[in-house]
Amino acid sequence: MGGGIGTISYALLKFSDAFVDIYEHNEFCRGKLTENLVEFNGRYQVIDDYRILPPQREYDLMIVDGGSGKGKGGGYHEAVWFFIMYLKSIKIVYVEGNR
């Protein structure tokens, strides 16, 4: 959640055989993310609206960009909570950064 320009997604795709569902609402970031992940076409999908439920109900890993922690500095806390409650199984939840 919060794929940015694809740095973490790139590492996941490069060093595993995973299929990655990436949430990113920012148009600029989605464009860069697509450019940066071009070699992995077919192994990921970008979802541009946090109101869309995750396509799967079970995940091995959920990585969350928690926002900046400064006022309205990003992060979708309600969506994270709702997704976790919606999913049947998540093995690991990792919040990226010190947010």
Protein backbone atom coordinates (compact mmCIF):
# COMPACT_ATOMS: atom_id res chain seq x y z
CA MET A 1 0.00 0.00 0.00
CA GLY A 2 1.67 3.15 -1.22
CA GLY A 3 3.86 1.76 -4.00
CA GLY A 4 5.59 5.07 -4.72
CA ILE A 5 7.95 4.81 -7.67
CA GLY A 6 8.44 1.06 -7.14
CA THR A 7 11.64 0.65 -5.14
CA ILE A 8 10.30 -1.96 -2.73
CA SER A 9 8.12 -3.58 -5.40
CA TYR A 10 11.20 -3.91 -7.62
CA ALA A 11 13.10 -5.75 -4.87
CA LEU A 12 10.17 -8.10 -4.25
CA LEU A 13 9.81 -8.91 -7.93
CA LYS A 14 13.55 -9.24 -8.59
CA PHE A 15 14.27 -11.61 -5.71
CA SER A 16 11.12 -13.77 -5.66
CA ASP A 17 8.60 -15.31 -8.00
CA ALA A 18 5.76 -13.34 -6.38
CA PHE A 19 2.85 -11.63 -8.05
CA VAL A 20 2.48 -8.20 -6.43
CA ASP A 21 -0.70 -6.14 -5.98
CA ILE A 22 0.40 -2.51 -5.63
CA TYR A 23 -1.81 0.32 -4.37
CA GLU A 24 -0.74 3.77 -5.55
CA HIS A 25 -3.10 6.70 -6.06
CA ASN A 26 -0.57 9.36 -7.14
CA GLU A 27 -0.52 9.68 -10.94
CA PHE A 28 3.16 10.71 -11.11
CA CYS A 29 4.22 7.79 -8.93
CA ARG A 30 2.12 5.33 -10.97
CA GLY A 31 3.87 6.48 -14.13
CA LYS A 32 7.35 6.08 -12.64
CA LEU A 33 6.39 2.79 -11.01
CA THR A 34 5.32 1.39 -14.39
CA GLU A 35 8.58 2.59 -15.97
CA ASN A 36 10.70 1.11 -13.18
CA LEU A 37 8.93 -2.27 -13.25
CA VAL A 38 8.80 -2.72 -17.04
CA GLU A 39 10.91 -5.90 -16.90
CA PHE A 40 8.30 -7.53 -14.64
CA ASN A 41 5.20 -6.92 -16.79
CA GLY A 42 2.59 -9.56 -16.05
CA ARG A 43 3.84 -10.11 -12.48
CA TYR A 44 2.16 -7.15 -10.82
CA GLN A 45 -0.89 -4.95 -11.02
CA VAL A 46 -1.36 -1.37 -9.91
CA ILE A 47 -4.58 -0.42 -8.14
CA ASP A 48 -5.16 3.33 -8.11
CA ASP A 49 -8.00 3.60 -5.58
CA TYR A 50 -7.88 2.58 -1.93
CA ARG A 51 -11.65 2.06 -2.04
CA ILE A 52 -11.06 -1.08 -4.14
CA LEU A 53 -10.69 -4.17 -1.97
CA PRO A 54 -7.60 -6.35 -2.39
CA PRO A 55 -8.05 -8.83 -5.25
CA GLN A 56 -7.01 -11.76 -3.05
CA ARG A 57 -8.12 -12.69 0.46
CA GLU A 58 -4.79 -14.24 1.50
CA TYR A 59 -1.32 -12.68 1.30
CA ASP A 60 2.09 -13.72 2.54
CA LEU A 61 3.24 -10.12 2.96
CA MET A 62 1.64 -6.70 3.22
CA ILE A 63 3.94 -3.67 3.05
CA VAL A 64 2.51 -0.32 4.10
CA ASP A 65 3.90 3.16 3.52
CA GLY A 66 2.63 4.79 6.69
CA GLY A 67 2.85 8.39 5.45
CA SER A 68 5.06 11.13 6.78
CA GLY A 69 3.49 11.34 10.23
CA LYS A 70 3.20 15.13 9.82
CA GLY A 71 -0.38 16.35 9.85
CA LYS A 72 -2.05 15.17 6.69
CA GLY A 73 1.23 13.86 5.30
CA GLY A 74 -0.22 10.81 3.63
CA GLY A 75 -0.94 7.30 4.71
CA TYR A 76 -4.29 5.62 4.58
CA HIS A 77 -4.70 4.35 8.11
CA GLU A 78 -8.40 3.51 7.78
CA ALA A 79 -7.79 1.57 4.56
CA VAL A 80 -4.95 -0.39 6.16
CA TRP A 81 -7.16 -1.34 9.11
CA PHE A 82 -10.09 -2.22 6.84
CA PHE A 83 -7.93 -4.33 4.51
CA ILE A 84 -6.44 -6.25 7.42
CA MET A 85 -9.93 -6.97 8.77
CA TYR A 86 -11.16 -7.98 5.29
CA LEU A 87 -8.37 -10.41 4.54
CA LYS A 88 -8.61 -14.02 5.67
CA SER A 89 -4.86 -14.41 6.14
CA ILE A 90 -1.74 -12.25 6.19
CA LYS A 91 1.50 -13.83 7.35
CA ILE A 92 3.49 -10.60 7.78
CA VAL A 93 2.57 -6.89 7.91
CA TYR A 94 5.51 -4.53 7.54
CA VAL A 95 5.22 -0.75 7.93
CA GLU A 96 7.97 0.89 5.90
CA GLY A 97 9.95 3.67 7.52
CA ASN A 98 9.62 5.22 10.96
CA ARG A 99 6.12 6.54 10.44
